[in-house]
Amino acid sequence: MREDTVITINNGKKYLLLLESEDTTESYFLAVLLDEKEEPTNNYAVLEEVEKEGKTFIRRVSDPIILNQLLADYKSQYNDLYGDQAA
């Protein structure tokens, strides 16, 4: 998976991958849920890319410790891209 791509998960929902974590060895992405017209909604998720037995799976991250670490990383990336005043 890569930033700026749309993925479809098993339940048919589509997400746009916005940012990939830079601080971990695992592949975590900040993603926004897309509506039927593939427009961004106000629903965001942190998704983990998991490889198992040669297949790729997507899992929504719910562990609060991991989420706090990742959100700090994503905020830093956002500030690097758009400046502190945009946050």
C-alpha atoms as a PDB file:
ATOM      1  CA  MET A   1       0.000   0.000   0.000  1.00  0.00           C
ATOM      2  CA  ARG A   2       1.067   3.569  -0.642  1.00  0.00           C
ATOM      3  CA  GLU A   3      -0.044   7.039   0.358  1.00  0.00           C
ATOM      4  CA  ASP A   4      -2.522   8.748  -1.967  1.00  0.00           C
ATOM      5  CA  THR A   5      -4.142   5.491  -3.052  1.00  0.00           C
ATOM      6  CA  VAL A   6      -7.684   4.242  -2.546  1.00  0.00           C
ATOM      7  CA  ILE A   7      -8.196   0.809  -1.031  1.00  0.00           C
ATOM      8  CA  THR A   8     -11.376  -1.219  -0.633  1.00  0.00           C
ATOM      9  CA  ILE A   9     -11.692  -3.386   2.458  1.00  0.00           C
ATOM     10  CA  ASN A  10     -13.730  -6.584   2.795  1.00  0.00           C
ATOM     11  CA  ASN A  11     -16.956  -4.832   3.798  1.00  0.00           C
ATOM     12  CA  GLY A  12     -16.842  -2.755   0.584  1.00  0.00           C
ATOM     13  CA  LYS A  13     -15.845   0.496   2.274  1.00  0.00           C
ATOM     14  CA  LYS A  14     -13.244   2.593   0.487  1.00  0.00           C
ATOM     15  CA  TYR A  15     -10.485   4.539   2.185  1.00  0.00           C
ATOM     16  CA  LEU A  16      -7.993   7.064   0.854  1.00  0.00           C
ATOM     17  CA  LEU A  17      -4.574   6.558   2.440  1.00  0.00           C
ATOM     18  CA  LEU A  18      -3.327   9.967   3.571  1.00  0.00           C
ATOM     19  CA  LEU A  19      -0.142   9.450   5.585  1.00  0.00           C
ATOM     20  CA  GLU A  20       2.093   6.483   6.357  1.00  0.00           C
ATOM     21  CA  SER A  21       3.778   6.264   9.728  1.00  0.00           C
ATOM     22  CA  GLU A  22       7.474   7.101   9.618  1.00  0.00           C
ATOM     23  CA  ASP A  23       8.305   5.898  13.132  1.00  0.00           C
ATOM     24  CA  THR A  24       7.513   2.183  13.010  1.00  0.00           C
ATOM     25  CA  THR A  25       8.619  -0.936  11.177  1.00  0.00           C
ATOM     26  CA  GLU A  26       4.984  -1.944  10.646  1.00  0.00           C
ATOM     27  CA  SER A  27       2.905  -0.301   7.920  1.00  0.00           C
ATOM     28  CA  TYR A  28       0.350   2.019   9.521  1.00  0.00           C
ATOM     29  CA  PHE A  29      -1.700   4.538   7.560  1.00  0.00           C
ATOM     30  CA  LEU A  30      -3.954   7.451   8.454  1.00  0.00           C
ATOM     31  CA  ALA A  31      -6.940   7.034   6.139  1.00  0.00           C
ATOM     32  CA  VAL A  32     -10.209   8.815   5.411  1.00  0.00           C
ATOM     33  CA  LEU A  33     -13.411   6.956   4.591  1.00  0.00           C
ATOM     34  CA  LEU A  34     -14.846   7.774   1.169  1.00  0.00           C
ATOM     35  CA  ASP A  35     -18.555   8.080   0.401  1.00  0.00           C
ATOM     36  CA  GLU A  36     -20.436   6.556  -2.557  1.00  0.00           C
ATOM     37  CA  LYS A  37     -19.092   9.303  -4.850  1.00  0.00           C
ATOM     38  CA  GLU A  38     -15.558   8.626  -3.571  1.00  0.00           C
ATOM     39  CA  GLU A  39     -15.497  11.974  -1.774  1.00  0.00           C
ATOM     40  CA  PRO A  40     -13.807  12.205   1.653  1.00  0.00           C
ATOM     41  CA  THR A  41     -16.061  12.039   4.708  1.00  0.00           C
ATOM     42  CA  ASN A  42     -15.355  13.201   8.262  1.00  0.00           C
ATOM     43  CA  ASN A  43     -14.549   9.614   9.298  1.00  0.00           C
ATOM     44  CA  TYR A  44     -10.876   8.816   9.765  1.00  0.00           C
ATOM     45  CA  ALA A  45      -9.155   5.577  10.750  1.00  0.00           C
ATOM     46  CA  VAL A  46      -5.688   4.262  11.379  1.00  0.00           C
ATOM     47  CA  LEU A  47      -5.151   1.109   9.345  1.00  0.00           C
ATOM     48  CA  GLU A  48      -2.390  -1.480   9.622  1.00  0.00           C
ATOM     49  CA  GLU A  49      -1.147  -3.493   6.664  1.00  0.00           C
ATOM     50  CA  VAL A  50      -0.506  -7.082   7.767  1.00  0.00           C
ATOM     51  CA  GLU A  51       1.183  -9.720   5.620  1.00  0.00           C
ATOM     52  CA  LYS A  52       0.410 -13.327   6.505  1.00  0.00           C
ATOM     53  CA  GLU A  53       1.111 -16.435   4.472  1.00  0.00           C
ATOM     54  CA  GLY A  54       1.863 -14.369   1.384  1.00  0.00           C
ATOM     55  CA  LYS A  55      -1.394 -12.410   1.564  1.00  0.00           C
ATOM     56  CA  THR A  56      -1.999  -8.802   2.556  1.00  0.00           C
ATOM     57  CA  PHE A  57      -4.691  -7.937   5.090  1.00  0.00           C
ATOM     58  CA  ILE A  58      -5.889  -4.615   6.456  1.00  0.00           C
ATOM     59  CA  ARG A  59      -6.711  -4.227  10.131  1.00  0.00           C
ATOM     60  CA  ARG A  60      -8.167  -1.162  11.858  1.00  0.00           C
ATOM     61  CA  VAL A  61      -5.992  -0.099  14.798  1.00  0.00           C
ATOM     62  CA  SER A  62      -7.810   0.292  18.114  1.00  0.00           C
ATOM     63  CA  ASP A  63      -4.992   0.012  20.690  1.00  0.00           C
ATOM     64  CA  PRO A  64      -4.909   3.450  22.406  1.00  0.00           C
ATOM     65  CA  ILE A  65      -1.153   3.320  23.030  1.00  0.00           C
ATOM     66  CA  ILE A  66      -0.357   2.644  19.371  1.00  0.00           C
ATOM     67  CA  LEU A  67      -2.925   5.249  18.256  1.00  0.00           C
ATOM     68  CA  ASN A  68      -1.373   7.951  20.478  1.00  0.00           C
ATOM     69  CA  GLN A  69       2.103   7.234  19.103  1.00  0.00           C
ATOM     70  CA  LEU A  70       0.893   7.212  15.498  1.00  0.00           C
ATOM     71  CA  LEU A  71      -1.235  10.337  15.827  1.00  0.00           C
ATOM     72  CA  ALA A  72       1.779  12.239  17.199  1.00  0.00           C
ATOM     73  CA  ASP A  73       3.759  11.081  14.149  1.00  0.00           C
ATOM     74  CA  TYR A  74       0.960  12.051  11.744  1.00  0.00           C
ATOM     75  CA  LYS A  75       0.625  15.479  13.371  1.00  0.00           C
ATOM     76  CA  SER A  76       4.357  16.041  12.965  1.00  0.00           C
ATOM     77  CA  GLN A  77       4.175  15.037   9.281  1.00  0.00           C
ATOM     78  CA  TYR A  78       1.182  17.326   8.752  1.00  0.00           C
ATOM     79  CA  ASN A  79       2.999  20.235  10.372  1.00  0.00           C
ATOM     80  CA  ASP A  80       6.064  19.555   8.205  1.00  0.00           C
ATOM     81  CA  LEU A  81       3.865  19.664   5.083  1.00  0.00           C
ATOM     82  CA  TYR A  82       1.555  22.559   5.950  1.00  0.00           C
ATOM     83  CA  GLY A  83       3.212  24.438   8.815  1.00  0.00           C
ATOM     84  CA  ASP A  84       2.213  24.704  12.456  1.00  0.00           C
ATOM     85  CA  GLN A  85      -0.405  27.379  11.802  1.00  0.00           C
ATOM     86  CA  ALA A  86      -2.562  24.945   9.767  1.00  0.00           C
ATOM     87  CA  ALA A  87      -3.060  22.465  12.643  1.00  0.00           C
END
